């Protein structure tokens, strides 16, 4: 198993679905919608650095494919063999919610029987952090980490960056309700 599938297995997806079930599903009716706010920022940053320091011949051939936002969806779909709807949505901090909504709509409209939907972000690198510092979007309460992140507080002063990923498995439940696992 490749690393992406190891992560999926660790989260219980394959245990829940069962390897036999995964082989029996109609993979043409199973899709993936994993979005990201910024895409492959590390690959992009490394590519720019290589261009400046070593010239264009030292940019990895994966620079463009891994910098685009749909690569998370694409790689997961390839690993699982899913051939249904596959794209990404990029709406900043609301990305995962839009992916859940779009995945449920694919199932409601009969375009898919099952969707994996969610989001991923890994922007804590110098250029990512620097960009948020430059636009003064980060909290300044560094002396008290417990109160730094207060998104709905009237006295909030910015957000605290984080990295991670999360997906849900969405499918039709009893022919009428969409179930998220």
C-alpha atoms as a PDB file:
ATOM      1  CA  UNK A   1       0.000   0.000   0.000  1.00  0.00           C
ATOM      2  CA  UNK A   2       1.233   3.477  -0.802  1.00  0.00           C
ATOM      3  CA  UNK A   3       1.410   6.150   1.957  1.00  0.00           C
ATOM      4  CA  UNK A   4      -1.910   7.828   1.043  1.00  0.00           C
ATOM      5  CA  UNK A   5      -3.733   4.525   1.414  1.00  0.00           C
ATOM      6  CA  UNK A   6      -1.926   3.852   4.689  1.00  0.00           C
ATOM      7  CA  UNK A   7      -3.434   7.081   6.037  1.00  0.00           C
ATOM      8  CA  UNK A   8      -6.897   6.092   4.804  1.00  0.00           C
ATOM      9  CA  UNK A   9      -6.480   2.671   6.419  1.00  0.00           C
ATOM     10  CA  UNK A  10      -5.322   4.236   9.699  1.00  0.00           C
ATOM     11  CA  UNK A  11      -8.473   6.344   9.803  1.00  0.00           C
ATOM     12  CA  UNK A  12     -10.627   3.218   9.607  1.00  0.00           C
ATOM     13  CA  UNK A  13     -11.968   3.787   6.094  1.00  0.00           C
ATOM     14  CA  UNK A  14     -10.914   0.396   4.796  1.00  0.00           C
ATOM     15  CA  UNK A  15     -12.002  -1.298   8.026  1.00  0.00           C
ATOM     16  CA  UNK A  16     -15.438   0.342   7.772  1.00  0.00           C
ATOM     17  CA  UNK A  17     -15.826  -0.372   4.066  1.00  0.00           C
ATOM     18  CA  UNK A  18     -14.068  -3.710   4.199  1.00  0.00           C
ATOM     19  CA  UNK A  19     -11.595  -4.637   1.501  1.00  0.00           C
ATOM     20  CA  UNK A  20     -14.146  -6.978  -0.065  1.00  0.00           C
ATOM     21  CA  UNK A  21     -16.769  -4.212  -0.218  1.00  0.00           C
ATOM     22  CA  UNK A  22     -14.218  -1.817  -1.692  1.00  0.00           C
ATOM     23  CA  UNK A  23     -13.613  -4.293  -4.506  1.00  0.00           C
ATOM     24  CA  UNK A  24     -17.357  -4.806  -5.086  1.00  0.00           C
ATOM     25  CA  UNK A  25     -18.469  -1.176  -5.384  1.00  0.00           C
ATOM     26  CA  UNK A  26     -19.049   0.352  -8.801  1.00  0.00           C
ATOM     27  CA  UNK A  27     -15.925   2.468  -8.998  1.00  0.00           C
ATOM     28  CA  UNK A  28     -17.351   4.440 -11.905  1.00  0.00           C
ATOM     29  CA  UNK A  29     -20.019   5.692  -9.469  1.00  0.00           C
ATOM     30  CA  UNK A  30     -17.606   6.497  -6.641  1.00  0.00           C
ATOM     31  CA  UNK A  31     -15.899   9.882  -6.581  1.00  0.00           C
ATOM     32  CA  UNK A  32     -13.534  12.062  -4.618  1.00  0.00           C
ATOM     33  CA  UNK A  33     -13.849  15.747  -3.748  1.00  0.00           C
ATOM     34  CA  UNK A  34     -10.910  16.923  -1.649  1.00  0.00           C
ATOM     35  CA  UNK A  35     -10.281  20.642  -1.660  1.00  0.00           C
ATOM     36  CA  UNK A  36      -7.558  22.912  -0.410  1.00  0.00           C
ATOM     37  CA  UNK A  37      -7.234  26.619   0.134  1.00  0.00           C
ATOM     38  CA  UNK A  38      -3.782  27.051  -1.384  1.00  0.00           C
ATOM     39  CA  UNK A  39      -2.782  23.831  -3.141  1.00  0.00           C
ATOM     40  CA  UNK A  40       0.755  22.491  -3.156  1.00  0.00           C
ATOM     41  CA  UNK A  41       2.413  25.523  -1.615  1.00  0.00           C
ATOM     42  CA  UNK A  42       5.618  23.667  -0.664  1.00  0.00           C
ATOM     43  CA  UNK A  43       6.079  22.331  -4.203  1.00  0.00           C
ATOM     44  CA  UNK A  44       5.397  25.793  -5.594  1.00  0.00           C
ATOM     45  CA  UNK A  45       7.838  27.468  -3.209  1.00  0.00           C
ATOM     46  CA  UNK A  46      10.550  24.860  -3.906  1.00  0.00           C
ATOM     47  CA  UNK A  47      10.022  25.286  -7.658  1.00  0.00           C
ATOM     48  CA  UNK A  48      10.440  29.056  -7.487  1.00  0.00           C
ATOM     49  CA  UNK A  49      13.566  28.660  -5.342  1.00  0.00           C
ATOM     50  CA  UNK A  50      15.072  26.167  -7.807  1.00  0.00           C
ATOM     51  CA  UNK A  51      14.267  28.495 -10.712  1.00  0.00           C
ATOM     52  CA  UNK A  52      16.014  31.437  -9.037  1.00  0.00           C
ATOM     53  CA  UNK A  53      19.035  29.515  -7.705  1.00  0.00           C
ATOM     54  CA  UNK A  54      19.641  26.810 -10.347  1.00  0.00           C
ATOM     55  CA  UNK A  55      17.611  27.651 -13.440  1.00  0.00           C
ATOM     56  CA  UNK A  56      14.499  26.209 -15.041  1.00  0.00           C
ATOM     57  CA  UNK A  57      16.105  22.822 -15.804  1.00  0.00           C
ATOM     58  CA  UNK A  58      16.190  22.088 -12.065  1.00  0.00           C
ATOM     59  CA  UNK A  59      12.445  22.514 -11.541  1.00  0.00           C
ATOM     60  CA  UNK A  60      10.842  19.144 -10.866  1.00  0.00           C
ATOM     61  CA  UNK A  61       8.562  17.857 -13.645  1.00  0.00           C
ATOM     62  CA  UNK A  62       5.949  17.432 -10.905  1.00  0.00           C
ATOM     63  CA  UNK A  63       5.946  21.189 -10.230  1.00  0.00           C
ATOM     64  CA  UNK A  64       2.701  21.966 -12.086  1.00  0.00           C
ATOM     65  CA  UNK A  65       0.794  18.733 -11.338  1.00  0.00           C
ATOM     66  CA  UNK A  66       1.528  18.896  -7.607  1.00  0.00           C
ATOM     67  CA  UNK A  67       0.960  22.639  -7.296  1.00  0.00           C
ATOM     68  CA  UNK A  68      -2.617  22.535  -8.593  1.00  0.00           C
ATOM     69  CA  UNK A  69      -5.397  22.219  -6.058  1.00  0.00           C
ATOM     70  CA  UNK A  70      -7.019  19.046  -7.371  1.00  0.00           C
ATOM     71  CA  UNK A  71      -3.983  16.815  -6.814  1.00  0.00           C
ATOM     72  CA  UNK A  72      -5.253  15.570  -3.413  1.00  0.00           C
ATOM     73  CA  UNK A  73      -8.486  14.362  -5.010  1.00  0.00           C
ATOM     74  CA  UNK A  74      -6.707  12.968  -8.042  1.00  0.00           C
ATOM     75  CA  UNK A  75      -4.126  10.929  -6.134  1.00  0.00           C
ATOM     76  CA  UNK A  76      -6.688   9.495  -3.728  1.00  0.00           C
ATOM     77  CA  UNK A  77      -8.999   8.554  -6.608  1.00  0.00           C
ATOM     78  CA  UNK A  78      -6.119   6.906  -8.460  1.00  0.00           C
ATOM     79  CA  UNK A  79      -5.099   4.924  -5.369  1.00  0.00           C
ATOM     80  CA  UNK A  80      -8.670   3.725  -4.755  1.00  0.00           C
ATOM     81  CA  UNK A  81      -9.549   3.287  -8.437  1.00  0.00           C
ATOM     82  CA  UNK A  82     -12.545   5.645  -8.145  1.00  0.00           C
ATOM     83  CA  UNK A  83     -13.653   6.984 -11.530  1.00  0.00           C
ATOM     84  CA  UNK A  84     -16.714   9.046 -10.592  1.00  0.00           C
ATOM     85  CA  UNK A  85     -16.797  12.816 -10.039  1.00  0.00           C
ATOM     86  CA  UNK A  86     -13.337  14.063  -9.168  1.00  0.00           C
ATOM     87  CA  UNK A  87     -12.272  17.660  -8.668  1.00  0.00           C
ATOM     88  CA  UNK A  88     -11.377  20.110  -5.947  1.00  0.00           C
ATOM     89  CA  UNK A  89     -12.980  23.214  -4.562  1.00  0.00           C
ATOM     90  CA  UNK A  90     -10.953  26.093  -3.200  1.00  0.00           C
ATOM     91  CA  UNK A  91     -12.855  28.480  -0.948  1.00  0.00           C
ATOM     92  CA  UNK A  92     -10.304  29.305   1.748  1.00  0.00           C
ATOM     93  CA  UNK A  93     -11.392  28.199   5.225  1.00  0.00           C
ATOM     94  CA  UNK A  94     -14.784  26.970   3.988  1.00  0.00           C
ATOM     95  CA  UNK A  95     -13.317  24.522   1.463  1.00  0.00           C
ATOM     96  CA  UNK A  96     -14.234  21.271   3.246  1.00  0.00           C
ATOM     97  CA  UNK A  97     -17.813  22.399   3.855  1.00  0.00           C
ATOM     98  CA  UNK A  98     -18.293  23.181   0.180  1.00  0.00           C
ATOM     99  CA  UNK A  99     -16.805  19.792  -0.716  1.00  0.00           C
ATOM    100  CA  UNK A 100     -19.277  18.022   1.614  1.00  0.00           C
ATOM    101  CA  UNK A 101     -22.180  19.937   0.080  1.00  0.00           C
ATOM    102  CA  UNK A 102     -21.089  19.255  -3.502  1.00  0.00           C
ATOM    103  CA  UNK A 103     -20.496  15.559  -2.754  1.00  0.00           C
ATOM    104  CA  UNK A 104     -23.980  15.215  -1.248  1.00  0.00           C
ATOM    105  CA  UNK A 105     -25.438  16.894  -4.338  1.00  0.00           C
ATOM    106  CA  UNK A 106     -23.665  14.427  -6.652  1.00  0.00           C
ATOM    107  CA  UNK A 107     -25.363  11.629  -4.721  1.00  0.00           C
ATOM    108  CA  UNK A 108     -28.761  13.403  -4.612  1.00  0.00           C
ATOM    109  CA  UNK A 109     -28.715  13.950  -8.374  1.00  0.00           C
ATOM    110  CA  UNK A 110     -27.836  10.294  -8.979  1.00  0.00           C
ATOM    111  CA  UNK A 111     -24.388  11.068 -10.399  1.00  0.00           C
ATOM    112  CA  UNK A 112     -22.589   8.972  -7.770  1.00  0.00           C
ATOM    113  CA  UNK A 113     -23.396   6.305  -5.195  1.00  0.00           C
ATOM    114  CA  UNK A 114     -20.513   7.168  -2.898  1.00  0.00           C
ATOM    115  CA  UNK A 115     -18.192  10.154  -2.471  1.00  0.00           C
ATOM    116  CA  UNK A 116     -15.128  10.814  -0.348  1.00  0.00           C
ATOM    117  CA  UNK A 117     -15.165  14.508   0.522  1.00  0.00           C
ATOM    118  CA  UNK A 118     -13.110  16.847   2.656  1.00  0.00           C
ATOM    119  CA  UNK A 119     -10.137  19.133   2.685  1.00  0.00           C
ATOM    120  CA  UNK A 120      -6.436  19.423   3.265  1.00  0.00           C
ATOM    121  CA  UNK A 121      -4.005  22.241   3.916  1.00  0.00           C
ATOM    122  CA  UNK A 122      -0.280  22.508   4.600  1.00  0.00           C
ATOM    123  CA  UNK A 123       0.710  26.161   4.368  1.00  0.00           C
ATOM    124  CA  UNK A 124       3.018  26.530   7.361  1.00  0.00           C
ATOM    125  CA  UNK A 125       6.175  27.254   5.410  1.00  0.00           C
ATOM    126  CA  UNK A 126       7.990  30.597   5.246  1.00  0.00           C
ATOM    127  CA  UNK A 127       6.085  31.972   2.231  1.00  0.00           C
ATOM    128  CA  UNK A 128       2.688  30.803   3.521  1.00  0.00           C
ATOM    129  CA  UNK A 129       3.190  32.108   7.030  1.00  0.00           C
ATOM    130  CA  UNK A 130       4.836  35.262   5.705  1.00  0.00           C
ATOM    131  CA  UNK A 131       1.862  36.017   3.487  1.00  0.00           C
ATOM    132  CA  UNK A 132      -0.557  35.859   6.399  1.00  0.00           C
ATOM    133  CA  UNK A 133       1.773  37.946   8.558  1.00  0.00           C
ATOM    134  CA  UNK A 134       2.017  40.568   5.783  1.00  0.00           C
ATOM    135  CA  UNK A 135      -1.768  40.963   5.603  1.00  0.00           C
ATOM    136  CA  UNK A 136      -1.986  41.005   9.424  1.00  0.00           C
ATOM    137  CA  UNK A 137      -4.373  38.057   9.527  1.00  0.00           C
ATOM    138  CA  UNK A 138      -2.718  36.151  12.383  1.00  0.00           C
ATOM    139  CA  UNK A 139      -3.494  36.534  16.076  1.00  0.00           C
ATOM    140  CA  UNK A 140      -0.994  38.564  18.083  1.00  0.00           C
ATOM    141  CA  UNK A 141      -1.849  36.803  21.393  1.00  0.00           C
ATOM    142  CA  UNK A 142       1.294  34.688  21.330  1.00  0.00           C
ATOM    143  CA  UNK A 143       1.850  35.136  25.060  1.00  0.00           C
ATOM    144  CA  UNK A 144      -1.353  33.208  25.877  1.00  0.00           C
ATOM    145  CA  UNK A 145      -1.895  30.327  23.409  1.00  0.00           C
ATOM    146  CA  UNK A 146      -5.140  29.279  25.163  1.00  0.00           C
ATOM    147  CA  UNK A 147      -6.869  32.501  24.108  1.00  0.00           C
ATOM    148  CA  UNK A 148      -5.114  33.121  20.786  1.00  0.00           C
ATOM    149  CA  UNK A 149      -7.719  31.267  18.714  1.00  0.00           C
ATOM    150  CA  UNK A 150     -11.125  32.866  19.304  1.00  0.00           C
ATOM    151  CA  UNK A 151     -12.905  32.884  15.928  1.00  0.00           C
ATOM    152  CA  UNK A 152     -16.313  34.117  17.158  1.00  0.00           C
ATOM    153  CA  UNK A 153     -15.140  36.429  19.924  1.00  0.00           C
ATOM    154  CA  UNK A 154     -15.906  40.125  19.472  1.00  0.00           C
ATOM    155  CA  UNK A 155     -12.357  40.972  20.594  1.00  0.00           C
ATOM    156  CA  UNK A 156     -10.580  38.500  18.312  1.00  0.00           C
ATOM    157  CA  UNK A 157      -7.462  39.743  16.577  1.00  0.00           C
ATOM    158  CA  UNK A 158      -6.795  37.158  13.866  1.00  0.00           C
ATOM    159  CA  UNK A 159      -6.502  33.430  13.480  1.00  0.00           C
ATOM    160  CA  UNK A 160      -3.981  30.746  14.399  1.00  0.00           C
ATOM    161  CA  UNK A 161      -2.606  28.718  11.507  1.00  0.00           C
ATOM    162  CA  UNK A 162      -2.761  24.963  11.461  1.00  0.00           C
ATOM    163  CA  UNK A 163      -2.211  22.097   9.065  1.00  0.00           C
ATOM    164  CA  UNK A 164      -4.108  18.910   8.488  1.00  0.00           C
ATOM    165  CA  UNK A 165      -6.624  16.990   6.465  1.00  0.00           C
ATOM    166  CA  UNK A 166      -9.969  15.380   7.004  1.00  0.00           C
ATOM    167  CA  UNK A 167     -12.408  13.472   4.834  1.00  0.00           C
ATOM    168  CA  UNK A 168     -15.841  11.914   5.202  1.00  0.00           C
ATOM    169  CA  UNK A 169     -17.316   9.025   3.265  1.00  0.00           C
ATOM    170  CA  UNK A 170     -20.750  10.011   1.919  1.00  0.00           C
ATOM    171  CA  UNK A 171     -23.272   7.538   0.549  1.00  0.00           C
ATOM    172  CA  UNK A 172     -26.998   7.010   0.127  1.00  0.00           C
ATOM    173  CA  UNK A 173     -28.575   5.517   3.238  1.00  0.00           C
ATOM    174  CA  UNK A 174     -31.956   3.752   2.923  1.00  0.00           C
ATOM    175  CA  UNK A 175     -32.624   5.294  -0.508  1.00  0.00           C
ATOM    176  CA  UNK A 176     -33.467   8.698   0.939  1.00  0.00           C
ATOM    177  CA  UNK A 177     -30.891  10.068   3.364  1.00  0.00           C
ATOM    178  CA  UNK A 178     -27.278  10.822   2.672  1.00  0.00           C
ATOM    179  CA  UNK A 179     -25.037   9.399   5.370  1.00  0.00           C
ATOM    180  CA  UNK A 180     -21.648  10.823   6.274  1.00  0.00           C
ATOM    181  CA  UNK A 181     -19.167   8.474   7.940  1.00  0.00           C
END
